[in-house]
Amino acid sequence: MDINEIITFPLMTESASVMVERDNKLIFIVNLKAGKTDVKRAVETLYEVKVKKVNLLITPQGVKKAFVKLTPEFKASDVAIKLGIL
């Protein structure tokens, strides 16, 4: 799967902004066919960070969310500012 097809867009809600600050996590809406390794590879390549863990969730609306935890040497708030969502 192509890296540009994996991540649809970053998600920023009130709870997501708390996760950015407290847990060093980013939330993305991703392709339904994408797996954890696909999401990890895409985030590391596109945003030049190291990913510690990826959790995937399919919502009742049929949308797949990826909760991406970054390693401690990278700050999720820096990536969010670079993306213009914080």
N, C-alpha and C. Protein backbone atom coordinates (compact mmCIF):
# COMPACT_ATOMS: atom_id res chain seq x y z
N MET A 1 0.83 -1.18 0.00
CA MET A 1 0.00 0.00 0.00
C MET A 1 0.88 1.25 0.00
N ASP A 2 0.52 2.24 -0.82
CA ASP A 2 1.30 3.47 -0.93
C ASP A 2 1.17 4.30 0.35
N ILE A 3 2.25 4.92 0.76
CA ILE A 3 2.28 5.69 2.00
C ILE A 3 1.26 6.81 1.99
N ASN A 4 1.07 7.47 0.85
CA ASN A 4 0.14 8.59 0.77
C ASN A 4 -1.31 8.15 0.83
N GLU A 5 -1.60 6.87 0.60
CA GLU A 5 -2.97 6.37 0.66
C GLU A 5 -3.35 5.90 2.07
N ILE A 6 -2.37 5.71 2.94
CA ILE A 6 -2.64 5.14 4.27
C ILE A 6 -3.31 6.16 5.18
N ILE A 7 -2.72 7.32 5.35
CA ILE A 7 -3.26 8.34 6.26
C ILE A 7 -4.18 9.25 5.47
N THR A 8 -5.45 9.31 5.90
CA THR A 8 -6.41 10.20 5.24
C THR A 8 -6.26 11.62 5.76
N PHE A 9 -6.36 11.79 7.09
CA PHE A 9 -6.15 13.10 7.70
C PHE A 9 -5.95 12.96 9.20
N PRO A 10 -5.28 13.95 9.82
CA PRO A 10 -5.14 13.93 11.29
C PRO A 10 -6.44 14.38 11.94
N LEU A 11 -6.74 13.83 13.09
CA LEU A 11 -7.97 14.17 13.81
C LEU A 11 -7.62 15.00 15.04
N MET A 12 -8.28 16.15 15.19
CA MET A 12 -8.03 16.97 16.37
C MET A 12 -9.37 17.34 16.99
N THR A 13 -9.65 16.70 18.12
CA THR A 13 -10.81 17.02 18.93
C THR A 13 -10.30 17.46 20.30
N GLU A 14 -11.21 17.78 21.18
CA GLU A 14 -10.79 18.19 22.51
C GLU A 14 -10.06 17.06 23.23
N SER A 15 -10.59 15.84 23.13
CA SER A 15 -9.92 14.70 23.77
C SER A 15 -8.60 14.37 23.09
N ALA A 16 -8.52 14.59 21.78
CA ALA A 16 -7.28 14.33 21.07
C ALA A 16 -6.19 15.32 21.48
N SER A 17 -6.58 16.56 21.74
CA SER A 17 -5.58 17.54 22.17
C SER A 17 -5.05 17.21 23.57
N VAL A 18 -5.89 16.61 24.41
CA VAL A 18 -5.43 16.16 25.73
C VAL A 18 -4.43 15.03 25.56
N MET A 19 -4.70 14.10 24.63
CA MET A 19 -3.77 13.00 24.38
C MET A 19 -2.44 13.50 23.85
N VAL A 20 -2.46 14.53 23.02
CA VAL A 20 -1.22 15.09 22.49
C VAL A 20 -0.36 15.61 23.64
N GLU A 21 -0.97 16.34 24.55
CA GLU A 21 -0.23 16.95 25.65
C GLU A 21 0.18 15.94 26.72
N ARG A 22 -0.75 15.06 27.12
CA ARG A 22 -0.51 14.18 28.26
C ARG A 22 0.20 12.88 27.88
N ASP A 23 -0.22 12.25 26.78
CA ASP A 23 0.25 10.90 26.44
C ASP A 23 1.24 10.86 25.28
N ASN A 24 1.54 12.00 24.65
CA ASN A 24 2.44 12.05 23.49
C ASN A 24 1.89 11.20 22.34
N LYS A 25 0.56 11.30 22.11
CA LYS A 25 -0.11 10.53 21.07
C LYS A 25 -0.72 11.46 20.03
N LEU A 26 -0.77 10.96 18.79
CA LEU A 26 -1.46 11.63 17.70
C LEU A 26 -2.56 10.70 17.20
N ILE A 27 -3.65 11.27 16.70
CA ILE A 27 -4.75 10.46 16.18
C ILE A 27 -4.93 10.79 14.70
N PHE A 28 -5.01 9.74 13.89
CA PHE A 28 -5.21 9.89 12.46
C PHE A 28 -6.40 9.06 12.01
N ILE A 29 -7.09 9.52 10.98
CA ILE A 29 -8.07 8.70 10.28
C ILE A 29 -7.29 8.04 9.15
N VAL A 30 -7.38 6.71 9.08
CA VAL A 30 -6.57 5.96 8.12
C VAL A 30 -7.46 5.10 7.22
N ASN A 31 -6.85 4.58 6.19
CA ASN A 31 -7.52 3.68 5.25
C ASN A 31 -7.97 2.41 5.97
N LEU A 32 -9.15 1.91 5.64
CA LEU A 32 -9.67 0.72 6.29
C LEU A 32 -8.80 -0.51 6.07
N LYS A 33 -8.05 -0.53 4.98
CA LYS A 33 -7.20 -1.69 4.68
C LYS A 33 -5.81 -1.61 5.31
N ALA A 34 -5.51 -0.50 5.95
CA ALA A 34 -4.18 -0.30 6.54
C ALA A 34 -4.05 -1.07 7.84
N GLY A 35 -2.89 -1.68 8.04
CA GLY A 35 -2.57 -2.38 9.28
C GLY A 35 -1.66 -1.53 10.15
N LYS A 36 -1.32 -2.06 11.33
CA LYS A 36 -0.47 -1.32 12.27
C LYS A 36 0.89 -1.00 11.67
N THR A 37 1.50 -1.96 11.00
CA THR A 37 2.82 -1.72 10.43
C THR A 37 2.75 -0.70 9.30
N ASP A 38 1.66 -0.71 8.53
CA ASP A 38 1.49 0.29 7.46
C ASP A 38 1.41 1.69 8.05
N VAL A 39 0.61 1.84 9.11
CA VAL A 39 0.44 3.16 9.74
C VAL A 39 1.76 3.62 10.35
N LYS A 40 2.46 2.72 11.02
CA LYS A 40 3.75 3.07 11.63
C LYS A 40 4.74 3.54 10.57
N ARG A 41 4.84 2.82 9.48
CA ARG A 41 5.77 3.18 8.40
C ARG A 41 5.39 4.53 7.79
N ALA A 42 4.10 4.76 7.59
CA ALA A 42 3.64 6.01 6.99
C ALA A 42 3.93 7.21 7.89
N VAL A 43 3.63 7.09 9.18
CA VAL A 43 3.86 8.20 10.11
C VAL A 43 5.35 8.49 10.23
N GLU A 44 6.17 7.45 10.35
CA GLU A 44 7.61 7.67 10.47
C GLU A 44 8.18 8.32 9.22
N THR A 45 7.69 7.95 8.05
CA THR A 45 8.20 8.51 6.80
C THR A 45 7.70 9.93 6.56
N LEU A 46 6.41 10.15 6.74
CA LEU A 46 5.83 11.45 6.41
C LEU A 46 6.20 12.54 7.41
N TYR A 47 6.27 12.21 8.70
CA TYR A 47 6.47 13.22 9.72
C TYR A 47 7.84 13.17 10.38
N GLU A 48 8.71 12.26 9.94
CA GLU A 48 10.10 12.15 10.40
C GLU A 48 10.19 12.03 11.92
N VAL A 49 9.44 11.07 12.47
CA VAL A 49 9.45 10.77 13.90
C VAL A 49 9.61 9.27 14.08
N LYS A 50 9.82 8.83 15.31
CA LYS A 50 9.87 7.40 15.63
C LYS A 50 8.60 7.05 16.40
N VAL A 51 7.94 5.97 15.99
CA VAL A 51 6.69 5.53 16.60
C VAL A 51 6.98 4.41 17.58
N LYS A 52 6.42 4.53 18.78
CA LYS A 52 6.58 3.49 19.79
C LYS A 52 5.48 2.44 19.68
N LYS A 53 4.23 2.88 19.46
CA LYS A 53 3.10 1.96 19.46
C LYS A 53 1.97 2.51 18.61
N VAL A 54 1.20 1.61 17.98
CA VAL A 54 0.04 1.99 17.20
C VAL A 54 -1.15 1.14 17.64
N ASN A 55 -2.27 1.80 17.93
CA ASN A 55 -3.53 1.10 18.21
C ASN A 55 -4.54 1.52 17.15
N LEU A 56 -5.30 0.55 16.64
CA LEU A 56 -6.30 0.83 15.62
C LEU A 56 -7.69 0.57 16.18
N LEU A 57 -8.66 1.36 15.69
CA LEU A 57 -10.04 1.26 16.14
C LEU A 57 -10.95 1.56 14.97
N ILE A 58 -11.96 0.73 14.76
CA ILE A 58 -12.96 1.02 13.74
C ILE A 58 -14.20 1.52 14.47
N THR A 59 -14.63 2.73 14.13
CA THR A 59 -15.77 3.36 14.79
C THR A 59 -17.07 2.76 14.26
N PRO A 60 -18.19 2.98 14.95
CA PRO A 60 -19.49 2.52 14.45
C PRO A 60 -19.87 3.14 13.10
N GLN A 61 -19.26 4.28 12.78
CA GLN A 61 -19.53 4.91 11.48
C GLN A 61 -18.73 4.27 10.35
N GLY A 62 -17.87 3.31 10.66
CA GLY A 62 -17.09 2.61 9.65
C GLY A 62 -15.78 3.31 9.30
N VAL A 63 -15.29 4.15 10.18
CA VAL A 63 -14.04 4.88 9.96
C VAL A 63 -12.97 4.27 10.86
N LYS A 64 -11.76 4.11 10.33
CA LYS A 64 -10.67 3.55 11.13
C LYS A 64 -9.80 4.66 11.68
N LYS A 65 -9.62 4.64 13.02
CA LYS A 65 -8.76 5.60 13.71
C LYS A 65 -7.47 4.91 14.12
N ALA A 66 -6.38 5.64 14.03
CA ALA A 66 -5.09 5.14 14.49
C ALA A 66 -4.60 6.05 15.61
N PHE A 67 -4.34 5.45 16.76
CA PHE A 67 -3.76 6.16 17.89
C PHE A 67 -2.26 5.85 17.88
N VAL A 68 -1.45 6.85 17.59
CA VAL A 68 -0.02 6.67 17.38
C VAL A 68 0.73 7.29 18.54
N LYS A 69 1.44 6.47 19.32
CA LYS A 69 2.25 6.95 20.43
C LYS A 69 3.69 7.10 19.94
N LEU A 70 4.24 8.29 20.16
CA LEU A 70 5.61 8.56 19.72
C LEU A 70 6.60 8.22 20.82
N THR A 71 7.84 7.97 20.43
CA THR A 71 8.90 7.73 21.41
C THR A 71 9.18 9.02 22.16
N PRO A 72 9.75 8.92 23.38
CA PRO A 72 9.93 10.12 24.22
C PRO A 72 10.80 11.22 23.61
N GLU A 73 11.71 10.87 22.70
CA GLU A 73 12.57 11.93 22.14
C GLU A 73 11.85 12.81 21.13
N PHE A 74 10.65 12.44 20.71
CA PHE A 74 9.84 13.25 19.80
C PHE A 74 8.58 13.70 20.53
N LYS A 75 8.18 14.94 20.29
CA LYS A 75 7.00 15.50 20.95
C LYS A 75 5.83 15.54 19.96
N ALA A 76 4.70 14.98 20.37
CA ALA A 76 3.50 14.99 19.53
C ALA A 76 3.01 16.42 19.31
N SER A 77 3.22 17.29 20.28
CA SER A 77 2.79 18.68 20.13
C SER A 77 3.56 19.38 19.01
N ASP A 78 4.84 19.06 18.85
CA ASP A 78 5.63 19.64 17.76
C ASP A 78 5.09 19.21 16.39
N VAL A 79 4.73 17.92 16.28
CA VAL A 79 4.17 17.41 15.01
C VAL A 79 2.81 18.05 14.76
N ALA A 80 1.98 18.18 15.80
CA ALA A 80 0.65 18.78 15.66
C ALA A 80 0.76 20.24 15.23
N ILE A 81 1.73 20.96 15.76
CA ILE A 81 1.93 22.35 15.36
C ILE A 81 2.38 22.41 13.92
N LYS A 82 3.26 21.50 13.52
CA LYS A 82 3.75 21.46 12.14
C LYS A 82 2.60 21.16 11.16
N LEU A 83 1.64 20.32 11.61
CA LEU A 83 0.49 20.00 10.78
C LEU A 83 -0.57 21.10 10.79
N GLY A 84 -0.46 22.02 11.73
CA GLY A 84 -1.43 23.11 11.82
C GLY A 84 -2.72 22.74 12.53
N ILE A 85 -2.68 21.71 13.36
CA ILE A 85 -3.89 21.28 14.06
C ILE A 85 -3.88 21.63 15.54
N LEU A 86 -2.83 22.25 16.01
CA LEU A 86 -2.74 22.65 17.42
C LEU A 86 -2.30 24.09 17.53
